[in-house]
C-alpha atoms as a PDB file:
ATOM      1  CA  UNK A   1      -0.121  -0.180   0.090  1.00  0.00           C
ATOM      2  CA  UNK A   2       1.035   3.623  -0.745  1.00  0.00           C
ATOM      3  CA  UNK A   3       2.412   5.937   1.578  1.00  0.00           C
ATOM      4  CA  UNK A   4       1.667  10.124   1.605  1.00  0.00           C
ATOM      5  CA  UNK A   5       4.740  10.452  -0.619  1.00  0.00           C
ATOM      6  CA  UNK A   6       4.401   7.397  -2.737  1.00  0.00           C
ATOM      7  CA  UNK A   7       6.203   4.524  -1.645  1.00  0.00           C
ATOM      8  CA  UNK A   8       4.733   1.892  -0.451  1.00  0.00           C
ATOM      9  CA  UNK A   9       3.937   0.897   3.808  1.00  0.00           C
ATOM     10  CA  UNK A  10       6.822  -1.865   4.792  1.00  0.00           C
ATOM     11  CA  UNK A  11       6.083  -4.935   6.765  1.00  0.00           C
ATOM     12  CA  UNK A  12       6.917  -3.525  10.099  1.00  0.00           C
ATOM     13  CA  UNK A  13       4.296  -0.560   9.071  1.00  0.00           C
ATOM     14  CA  UNK A  14       1.242  -2.926   8.429  1.00  0.00           C
ATOM     15  CA  UNK A  15       2.348  -4.807  11.168  1.00  0.00           C
ATOM     16  CA  UNK A  16       1.914  -2.005  13.859  1.00  0.00           C
ATOM     17  CA  UNK A  17      -1.612  -1.482  11.765  1.00  0.00           C
ATOM     18  CA  UNK A  18      -2.999  -5.368  11.933  1.00  0.00           C
ATOM     19  CA  UNK A  19      -2.148  -5.283  16.258  1.00  0.00           C
ATOM     20  CA  UNK A  20      -3.430  -1.501  15.936  1.00  0.00           C
ATOM     21  CA  UNK A  21      -6.795  -3.347  14.774  1.00  0.00           C
ATOM     22  CA  UNK A  22      -6.543  -6.293  16.810  1.00  0.00           C
ATOM     23  CA  UNK A  23      -5.633  -4.058  20.289  1.00  0.00           C
ATOM     24  CA  UNK A  24      -9.335  -2.196  19.398  1.00  0.00           C
ATOM     25  CA  UNK A  25     -11.107  -5.085  19.044  1.00  0.00           C
ATOM     26  CA  UNK A  26      -9.982  -6.699  21.721  1.00  0.00           C
ATOM     27  CA  UNK A  27     -10.348  -3.918  23.846  1.00  0.00           C
ATOM     28  CA  UNK A  28     -14.718  -3.103  22.620  1.00  0.00           C
ATOM     29  CA  UNK A  29     -15.530  -7.438  23.076  1.00  0.00           C
ATOM     30  CA  UNK A  30     -14.370  -5.946  26.893  1.00  0.00           C
ATOM     31  CA  UNK A  31     -15.789  -3.070  27.294  1.00  0.00           C
ATOM     32  CA  UNK A  32     -19.533  -4.303  25.762  1.00  0.00           C
ATOM     33  CA  UNK A  33     -18.740  -7.778  28.076  1.00  0.00           C
ATOM     34  CA  UNK A  34     -18.074  -5.801  31.000  1.00  0.00           C
ATOM     35  CA  UNK A  35     -21.234  -3.463  30.241  1.00  0.00           C
ATOM     36  CA  UNK A  36     -23.184  -7.272  29.156  1.00  0.00           C
ATOM     37  CA  UNK A  37     -21.688  -9.564  32.545  1.00  0.00           C
ATOM     38  CA  UNK A  38     -22.294  -6.151  35.133  1.00  0.00           C
ATOM     39  CA  UNK A  39     -26.203  -5.548  32.991  1.00  0.00           C
ATOM     40  CA  UNK A  40     -25.496  -1.392  31.806  1.00  0.00           C
ATOM     41  CA  UNK A  41     -26.522  -3.494  29.044  1.00  0.00           C
ATOM     42  CA  UNK A  42     -29.149  -5.373  29.786  1.00  0.00           C
ATOM     43  CA  UNK A  43     -31.195  -8.452  29.044  1.00  0.00           C
ATOM     44  CA  UNK A  44     -33.422  -8.447  26.027  1.00  0.00           C
ATOM     45  CA  UNK A  45     -31.788  -4.625  25.106  1.00  0.00           C
ATOM     46  CA  UNK A  46     -31.422  -3.416  21.269  1.00  0.00           C
ATOM     47  CA  UNK A  47     -26.974  -2.893  20.206  1.00  0.00           C
ATOM     48  CA  UNK A  48     -26.694  -0.110  17.635  1.00  0.00           C
ATOM     49  CA  UNK A  49     -23.562  -0.608  16.031  1.00  0.00           C
ATOM     50  CA  UNK A  50     -23.278   3.177  15.115  1.00  0.00           C
ATOM     51  CA  UNK A  51     -24.715   4.114  18.696  1.00  0.00           C
ATOM     52  CA  UNK A  52     -21.868   2.290  19.931  1.00  0.00           C
ATOM     53  CA  UNK A  53     -19.108   2.824  17.920  1.00  0.00           C
ATOM     54  CA  UNK A  54     -20.154   6.410  18.429  1.00  0.00           C
ATOM     55  CA  UNK A  55     -20.302   6.641  22.652  1.00  0.00           C
ATOM     56  CA  UNK A  56     -17.088   4.348  22.510  1.00  0.00           C
ATOM     57  CA  UNK A  57     -15.692   6.732  19.729  1.00  0.00           C
ATOM     58  CA  UNK A  58     -14.506   3.751  17.426  1.00  0.00           C
ATOM     59  CA  UNK A  59     -15.176   2.631  13.713  1.00  0.00           C
ATOM     60  CA  UNK A  60     -18.401   0.798  13.143  1.00  0.00           C
ATOM     61  CA  UNK A  61     -15.979  -2.805  12.473  1.00  0.00           C
ATOM     62  CA  UNK A  62     -14.464  -2.982  16.027  1.00  0.00           C
ATOM     63  CA  UNK A  63     -18.107  -3.066  17.579  1.00  0.00           C
ATOM     64  CA  UNK A  64     -19.226  -5.710  14.997  1.00  0.00           C
ATOM     65  CA  UNK A  65     -16.720  -7.959  14.743  1.00  0.00           C
ATOM     66  CA  UNK A  66     -17.823  -8.068  19.222  1.00  0.00           C
ATOM     67  CA  UNK A  67     -20.625  -8.708  18.401  1.00  0.00           C
ATOM     68  CA  UNK A  68     -20.254 -11.626  16.601  1.00  0.00           C
ATOM     69  CA  UNK A  69     -17.340 -12.434  18.846  1.00  0.00           C
ATOM     70  CA  UNK A  70     -20.162 -11.709  21.666  1.00  0.00           C
ATOM     71  CA  UNK A  71     -23.081 -14.001  19.900  1.00  0.00           C
ATOM     72  CA  UNK A  72     -20.730 -17.039  19.525  1.00  0.00           C
ATOM     73  CA  UNK A  73     -20.798 -17.142  23.687  1.00  0.00           C
ATOM     74  CA  UNK A  74     -24.172 -16.398  23.778  1.00  0.00           C
ATOM     75  CA  UNK A  75     -23.998 -12.843  25.522  1.00  0.00           C
ATOM     76  CA  UNK A  76     -25.725 -11.378  22.378  1.00  0.00           C
ATOM     77  CA  UNK A  77     -28.339 -12.187  19.598  1.00  0.00           C
ATOM     78  CA  UNK A  78     -27.851 -11.217  16.929  1.00  0.00           C
ATOM     79  CA  UNK A  79     -31.283 -11.006  14.137  1.00  0.00           C
ATOM     80  CA  UNK A  80     -31.413 -10.573  10.609  1.00  0.00           C
ATOM     81  CA  UNK A  81     -33.605  -8.168   9.184  1.00  0.00           C
ATOM     82  CA  UNK A  82     -33.392  -7.053  13.287  1.00  0.00           C
ATOM     83  CA  UNK A  83     -30.487  -6.248  14.834  1.00  0.00           C
ATOM     84  CA  UNK A  84     -28.417  -7.373  17.698  1.00  0.00           C
ATOM     85  CA  UNK A  85     -29.953  -7.720  21.145  1.00  0.00           C
ATOM     86  CA  UNK A  86     -28.629  -8.290  24.282  1.00  0.00           C
ATOM     87  CA  UNK A  87     -29.065 -12.948  25.336  1.00  0.00           C
ATOM     88  CA  UNK A  88     -32.077 -12.449  27.836  1.00  0.00           C
ATOM     89  CA  UNK A  89     -30.658 -14.843  30.985  1.00  0.00           C
ATOM     90  CA  UNK A  90     -30.889 -18.692  30.141  1.00  0.00           C
ATOM     91  CA  UNK A  91     -31.154 -21.445  32.926  1.00  0.00           C
ATOM     92  CA  UNK A  92     -29.343 -23.391  30.852  1.00  0.00           C
ATOM     93  CA  UNK A  93     -26.809 -21.012  30.048  1.00  0.00           C
ATOM     94  CA  UNK A  94     -26.322 -21.448  33.569  1.00  0.00           C
ATOM     95  CA  UNK A  95     -26.598 -25.048  34.163  1.00  0.00           C
ATOM     96  CA  UNK A  96     -23.441 -26.066  31.753  1.00  0.00           C
ATOM     97  CA  UNK A  97     -21.992 -22.146  33.246  1.00  0.00           C
ATOM     98  CA  UNK A  98     -21.688 -23.824  36.817  1.00  0.00           C
ATOM     99  CA  UNK A  99     -21.722 -27.855  35.652  1.00  0.00           C
ATOM    100  CA  UNK A 100     -18.019 -26.565  33.809  1.00  0.00           C
ATOM    101  CA  UNK A 101     -16.786 -24.629  36.422  1.00  0.00           C
ATOM    102  CA  UNK A 102     -17.021 -26.617  39.329  1.00  0.00           C
ATOM    103  CA  UNK A 103     -16.030 -29.682  36.694  1.00  0.00           C
ATOM    104  CA  UNK A 104     -12.466 -27.884  37.086  1.00  0.00           C
ATOM    105  CA  UNK A 105     -12.376 -26.562  40.986  1.00  0.00           C
ATOM    106  CA  UNK A 106     -13.080 -29.548  41.865  1.00  0.00           C
ATOM    107  CA  UNK A 107     -10.742 -31.481  40.395  1.00  0.00           C
ATOM    108  CA  UNK A 108      -7.949 -28.458  41.289  1.00  0.00           C
ATOM    109  CA  UNK A 109      -8.961 -28.631  45.083  1.00  0.00           C
ATOM    110  CA  UNK A 110      -8.253 -32.297  45.137  1.00  0.00           C
ATOM    111  CA  UNK A 111      -5.058 -31.237  44.089  1.00  0.00           C
ATOM    112  CA  UNK A 112      -3.785 -28.466  45.671  1.00  0.00           C
ATOM    113  CA  UNK A 113      -4.332 -31.122  48.845  1.00  0.00           C
ATOM    114  CA  UNK A 114      -2.083 -33.032  47.511  1.00  0.00           C
ATOM    115  CA  UNK A 115       0.304 -30.441  46.795  1.00  0.00           C
ATOM    116  CA  UNK A 116       4.228 -30.183  49.011  1.00  0.00           C
ATOM    117  CA  UNK A 117       3.332 -26.144  49.121  1.00  0.00           C
ATOM    118  CA  UNK A 118      -0.261 -27.006  50.609  1.00  0.00           C
ATOM    119  CA  UNK A 119       1.066 -25.053  54.202  1.00  0.00           C
ATOM    120  CA  UNK A 120       1.993 -21.665  52.027  1.00  0.00           C
ATOM    121  CA  UNK A 121      -1.214 -22.535  50.040  1.00  0.00           C
ATOM    122  CA  UNK A 122      -3.276 -22.308  53.009  1.00  0.00           C
ATOM    123  CA  UNK A 123      -1.022 -19.239  54.338  1.00  0.00           C
ATOM    124  CA  UNK A 124      -2.456 -17.729  51.378  1.00  0.00           C
ATOM    125  CA  UNK A 125      -5.873 -18.582  51.828  1.00  0.00           C
ATOM    126  CA  UNK A 126      -6.217 -17.360  55.016  1.00  0.00           C
ATOM    127  CA  UNK A 127      -4.441 -13.924  54.530  1.00  0.00           C
ATOM    128  CA  UNK A 128      -7.371 -13.651  51.847  1.00  0.00           C
ATOM    129  CA  UNK A 129     -10.383 -14.752  54.233  1.00  0.00           C
ATOM    130  CA  UNK A 130      -8.726 -11.877  56.743  1.00  0.00           C
ATOM    131  CA  UNK A 131      -8.675  -9.475  53.914  1.00  0.00           C
ATOM    132  CA  UNK A 132     -12.770 -10.518  52.875  1.00  0.00           C
ATOM    133  CA  UNK A 133     -13.555 -10.268  56.014  1.00  0.00           C
ATOM    134  CA  UNK A 134     -11.903  -6.395  56.790  1.00  0.00           C
ATOM    135  CA  UNK A 135     -13.572  -5.680  53.209  1.00  0.00           C
ATOM    136  CA  UNK A 136     -17.615  -8.102  54.784  1.00  0.00           C
ATOM    137  CA  UNK A 137     -16.715  -4.910  57.562  1.00  0.00           C
ATOM    138  CA  UNK A 138     -16.856  -2.151  55.533  1.00  0.00           C
ATOM    139  CA  UNK A 139     -19.857  -3.226  52.352  1.00  0.00           C
ATOM    140  CA  UNK A 140     -16.787  -2.908  50.331  1.00  0.00           C
ATOM    141  CA  UNK A 141     -18.773  -4.857  47.317  1.00  0.00           C
ATOM    142  CA  UNK A 142     -16.648  -4.193  44.089  1.00  0.00           C
ATOM    143  CA  UNK A 143     -13.506  -5.334  45.998  1.00  0.00           C
ATOM    144  CA  UNK A 144     -14.842  -8.274  47.873  1.00  0.00           C
ATOM    145  CA  UNK A 145     -15.874  -9.310  44.514  1.00  0.00           C
ATOM    146  CA  UNK A 146     -11.979  -9.948  43.834  1.00  0.00           C
ATOM    147  CA  UNK A 147     -11.249 -11.282  46.476  1.00  0.00           C
ATOM    148  CA  UNK A 148     -13.612 -13.725  46.281  1.00  0.00           C
ATOM    149  CA  UNK A 149     -12.113 -14.441  42.234  1.00  0.00           C
ATOM    150  CA  UNK A 150      -8.221 -14.155  43.406  1.00  0.00           C
ATOM    151  CA  UNK A 151      -9.221 -16.938  46.172  1.00  0.00           C
ATOM    152  CA  UNK A 152      -9.970 -19.572  43.865  1.00  0.00           C
ATOM    153  CA  UNK A 153      -6.899 -18.312  41.376  1.00  0.00           C
ATOM    154  CA  UNK A 154      -4.417 -18.889  44.518  1.00  0.00           C
ATOM    155  CA  UNK A 155      -6.449 -23.321  45.288  1.00  0.00           C
ATOM    156  CA  UNK A 156      -5.820 -23.187  40.503  1.00  0.00           C
ATOM    157  CA  UNK A 157      -1.846 -21.749  41.054  1.00  0.00           C
ATOM    158  CA  UNK A 158      -0.543 -24.280  43.951  1.00  0.00           C
ATOM    159  CA  UNK A 159      -2.691 -26.758  41.746  1.00  0.00           C
ATOM    160  CA  UNK A 160      -0.271 -26.988  39.395  1.00  0.00           C
ATOM    161  CA  UNK A 161      -2.126 -25.098  36.711  1.00  0.00           C
ATOM    162  CA  UNK A 162      -1.943 -21.275  37.091  1.00  0.00           C
ATOM    163  CA  UNK A 163      -2.653 -20.435  33.525  1.00  0.00           C
ATOM    164  CA  UNK A 164      -5.828 -22.373  33.562  1.00  0.00           C
ATOM    165  CA  UNK A 165      -7.962 -19.900  35.721  1.00  0.00           C
ATOM    166  CA  UNK A 166      -8.216 -17.799  31.952  1.00  0.00           C
ATOM    167  CA  UNK A 167     -10.692 -20.897  31.190  1.00  0.00           C
ATOM    168  CA  UNK A 168     -12.080 -20.580  33.661  1.00  0.00           C
ATOM    169  CA  UNK A 169     -12.675 -17.731  33.823  1.00  0.00           C
ATOM    170  CA  UNK A 170     -14.195 -18.123  30.070  1.00  0.00           C
ATOM    171  CA  UNK A 171     -16.573 -21.486  31.657  1.00  0.00           C
ATOM    172  CA  UNK A 172     -17.923 -19.460  34.254  1.00  0.00           C
ATOM    173  CA  UNK A 173     -19.649 -16.419  32.213  1.00  0.00           C
ATOM    174  CA  UNK A 174     -22.963 -16.763  32.548  1.00  0.00           C
ATOM    175  CA  UNK A 175     -22.618 -17.546  36.062  1.00  0.00           C
ATOM    176  CA  UNK A 176     -20.643 -14.157  36.816  1.00  0.00           C
ATOM    177  CA  UNK A 177     -23.733 -13.647  34.967  1.00  0.00           C
ATOM    178  CA  UNK A 178     -26.492 -14.505  37.452  1.00  0.00           C
ATOM    179  CA  UNK A 179     -24.403 -14.041  40.311  1.00  0.00           C
ATOM    180  CA  UNK A 180     -23.968 -10.136  39.644  1.00  0.00           C
ATOM    181  CA  UNK A 181     -27.786 -10.362  40.048  1.00  0.00           C
ATOM    182  CA  UNK A 182     -27.649 -11.682  43.640  1.00  0.00           C
ATOM    183  CA  UNK A 183     -24.516 -11.072  45.168  1.00  0.00           C
ATOM    184  CA  UNK A 184     -23.396  -9.770  47.497  1.00  0.00           C
ATOM    185  CA  UNK A 185     -27.512  -9.313  47.884  1.00  0.00           C
ATOM    186  CA  UNK A 186     -29.066 -11.888  48.144  1.00  0.00           C
ATOM    187  CA  UNK A 187     -25.941 -14.313  49.222  1.00  0.00           C
ATOM    188  CA  UNK A 188     -24.222 -12.131  52.169  1.00  0.00           C
ATOM    189  CA  UNK A 189     -20.383 -11.765  52.222  1.00  0.00           C
ATOM    190  CA  UNK A 190     -20.060 -13.648  55.132  1.00  0.00           C
ATOM    191  CA  UNK A 191     -21.918 -16.636  53.904  1.00  0.00           C
ATOM    192  CA  UNK A 192     -19.136 -16.607  51.069  1.00  0.00           C
ATOM    193  CA  UNK A 193     -16.948 -16.402  53.788  1.00  0.00           C
ATOM    194  CA  UNK A 194     -17.559 -19.396  56.221  1.00  0.00           C
ATOM    195  CA  UNK A 195     -17.652 -21.539  52.955  1.00  0.00           C
ATOM    196  CA  UNK A 196     -14.134 -20.158  52.290  1.00  0.00           C
ATOM    197  CA  UNK A 197     -12.865 -21.437  55.030  1.00  0.00           C
ATOM    198  CA  UNK A 198     -14.465 -24.564  55.359  1.00  0.00           C
ATOM    199  CA  UNK A 199     -12.284 -25.175  52.007  1.00  0.00           C
ATOM    200  CA  UNK A 200      -9.914 -23.405  53.573  1.00  0.00           C
ATOM    201  CA  UNK A 201      -9.225 -25.668  56.525  1.00  0.00           C
ATOM    202  CA  UNK A 202     -10.171 -29.181  54.893  1.00  0.00           C
ATOM    203  CA  UNK A 203      -6.870 -28.129  52.353  1.00  0.00           C
ATOM    204  CA  UNK A 204      -5.197 -27.742  56.173  1.00  0.00           C
ATOM    205  CA  UNK A 205      -6.237 -30.951  56.985  1.00  0.00           C
ATOM    206  CA  UNK A 206      -5.243 -32.713  53.574  1.00  0.00           C
ATOM    207  CA  UNK A 207      -8.891 -34.098  53.613  1.00  0.00           C
ATOM    208  CA  UNK A 208      -9.550 -34.545  49.975  1.00  0.00           C
ATOM    209  CA  UNK A 209     -13.095 -35.745  51.026  1.00  0.00           C
ATOM    210  CA  UNK A 210     -14.265 -32.592  52.533  1.00  0.00           C
ATOM    211  CA  UNK A 211     -12.130 -30.069  49.852  1.00  0.00           C
ATOM    212  CA  UNK A 212     -14.426 -31.950  47.038  1.00  0.00           C
ATOM    213  CA  UNK A 213     -18.346 -31.821  49.171  1.00  0.00           C
ATOM    214  CA  UNK A 214     -16.977 -28.000  50.898  1.00  0.00           C
ATOM    215  CA  UNK A 215     -16.094 -26.794  46.955  1.00  0.00           C
ATOM    216  CA  UNK A 216     -19.322 -28.153  45.186  1.00  0.00           C
ATOM    217  CA  UNK A 217     -20.900 -26.836  48.143  1.00  0.00           C
ATOM    218  CA  UNK A 218     -20.065 -22.359  47.770  1.00  0.00           C
ATOM    219  CA  UNK A 219     -20.099 -22.794  43.609  1.00  0.00           C
ATOM    220  CA  UNK A 220     -24.225 -24.490  43.791  1.00  0.00           C
ATOM    221  CA  UNK A 221     -25.331 -21.439  46.170  1.00  0.00           C
ATOM    222  CA  UNK A 222     -25.679 -19.543  42.793  1.00  0.00           C
ATOM    223  CA  UNK A 223     -28.464 -22.151  42.577  1.00  0.00           C
ATOM    224  CA  UNK A 224     -29.917 -20.902  46.156  1.00  0.00           C
ATOM    225  CA  UNK A 225     -30.842 -17.511  45.114  1.00  0.00           C
ATOM    226  CA  UNK A 226     -32.153 -18.770  41.310  1.00  0.00           C
ATOM    227  CA  UNK A 227     -35.937 -18.228  42.328  1.00  0.00           C
ATOM    228  CA  UNK A 228     -35.553 -14.817  44.481  1.00  0.00           C
ATOM    229  CA  UNK A 229     -33.403 -13.916  40.994  1.00  0.00           C
ATOM    230  CA  UNK A 230     -36.244 -14.403  38.763  1.00  0.00           C
ATOM    231  CA  UNK A 231     -38.624 -12.853  40.682  1.00  0.00           C
ATOM    232  CA  UNK A 232     -37.205  -9.324  41.121  1.00  0.00           C
ATOM    233  CA  UNK A 233     -35.785  -9.774  36.992  1.00  0.00           C
ATOM    234  CA  UNK A 234     -38.969 -11.218  35.400  1.00  0.00           C
ATOM    235  CA  UNK A 235     -38.077  -9.317  32.455  1.00  0.00           C
ATOM    236  CA  UNK A 236     -34.389 -10.649  32.402  1.00  0.00           C
ATOM    237  CA  UNK A 237     -34.777 -14.202  31.918  1.00  0.00           C
ATOM    238  CA  UNK A 238     -36.180 -15.988  28.469  1.00  0.00           C
ATOM    239  CA  UNK A 239     -39.716 -16.698  29.193  1.00  0.00           C
ATOM    240  CA  UNK A 240     -39.653 -20.333  29.173  1.00  0.00           C
ATOM    241  CA  UNK A 241     -36.890 -21.327  31.847  1.00  0.00           C
ATOM    242  CA  UNK A 242     -39.359 -18.848  34.811  1.00  0.00           C
ATOM    243  CA  UNK A 243     -41.401 -22.061  35.449  1.00  0.00           C
ATOM    244  CA  UNK A 244     -38.520 -24.233  35.633  1.00  0.00           C
ATOM    245  CA  UNK A 245     -36.289 -22.002  36.721  1.00  0.00           C
ATOM    246  CA  UNK A 246     -38.952 -21.996  40.504  1.00  0.00           C
ATOM    247  CA  UNK A 247     -38.389 -25.074  40.461  1.00  0.00           C
ATOM    248  CA  UNK A 248     -34.718 -25.212  40.407  1.00  0.00           C
ATOM    249  CA  UNK A 249     -34.778 -22.648  42.160  1.00  0.00           C
ATOM    250  CA  UNK A 250     -36.316 -24.290  45.051  1.00  0.00           C
ATOM    251  CA  UNK A 251     -34.958 -27.732  44.653  1.00  0.00           C
ATOM    252  CA  UNK A 252     -31.763 -25.871  45.015  1.00  0.00           C
ATOM    253  CA  UNK A 253     -32.622 -23.816  47.886  1.00  0.00           C
ATOM    254  CA  UNK A 254     -33.623 -27.150  49.671  1.00  0.00           C
ATOM    255  CA  UNK A 255     -30.048 -28.987  49.020  1.00  0.00           C
ATOM    256  CA  UNK A 256     -28.555 -26.144  50.141  1.00  0.00           C
ATOM    257  CA  UNK A 257     -30.856 -25.575  53.683  1.00  0.00           C
ATOM    258  CA  UNK A 258     -29.675 -29.561  54.117  1.00  0.00           C
ATOM    259  CA  UNK A 259     -25.904 -28.560  53.444  1.00  0.00           C
ATOM    260  CA  UNK A 260     -26.227 -25.892  55.602  1.00  0.00           C
ATOM    261  CA  UNK A 261     -27.773 -27.208  58.485  1.00  0.00           C
ATOM    262  CA  UNK A 262     -26.040 -30.869  58.183  1.00  0.00           C
ATOM    263  CA  UNK A 263     -22.185 -28.430  58.065  1.00  0.00           C
END
């Protein structure tokens, strides 16, 4: 491609242009993803390429690419002749997301119990619990959520798979959508801290079975608040899912109650 002086751009310039374009596309995707996960873009809301490109100060191409990528994640529904809308909350997506996360993290916590560096892990997790107790006392929801994520990342790292968190993040996207509506308003930080403490106690005691059970209870708690979330935000859900979600919420709340009583 010829430059302003009639010379052809070299491979370095073409690579820089390509990298800049990729960077804009990636940043646009991350912004839209965050807006969907935090409900600044609400379920069933229309997303205009033109409006979004103007709001973000980018061309329509990275917005179009981001929407296509989000559609593959079932976070955007694209309809010919109609355009793009934010996908409603779907129980099938939550079930799959939670199943994948549980499968990965249960395996990780068992490996963490077997780690030769278990003592160091326990200390790091205890330190994180202390931070969470402080954040809970001052109702700092944003930093508590980040600490919650770091707690789980530490387990993955000491299990020998520090890079697996990117895979877990991808697996739990739909779970995170539901969690945003229920945490901490419907899921007290004190409950999360107590469940984290049970996980740490099991790791410290080298009890793989207890660690696995504690992790399962922790990761299934998202279902306990399901009915309440659906009742508060029915407009966010796939209409055909509402009855089944109510039934599932009742079942999981009963299970959670039995688990808490047993504990």
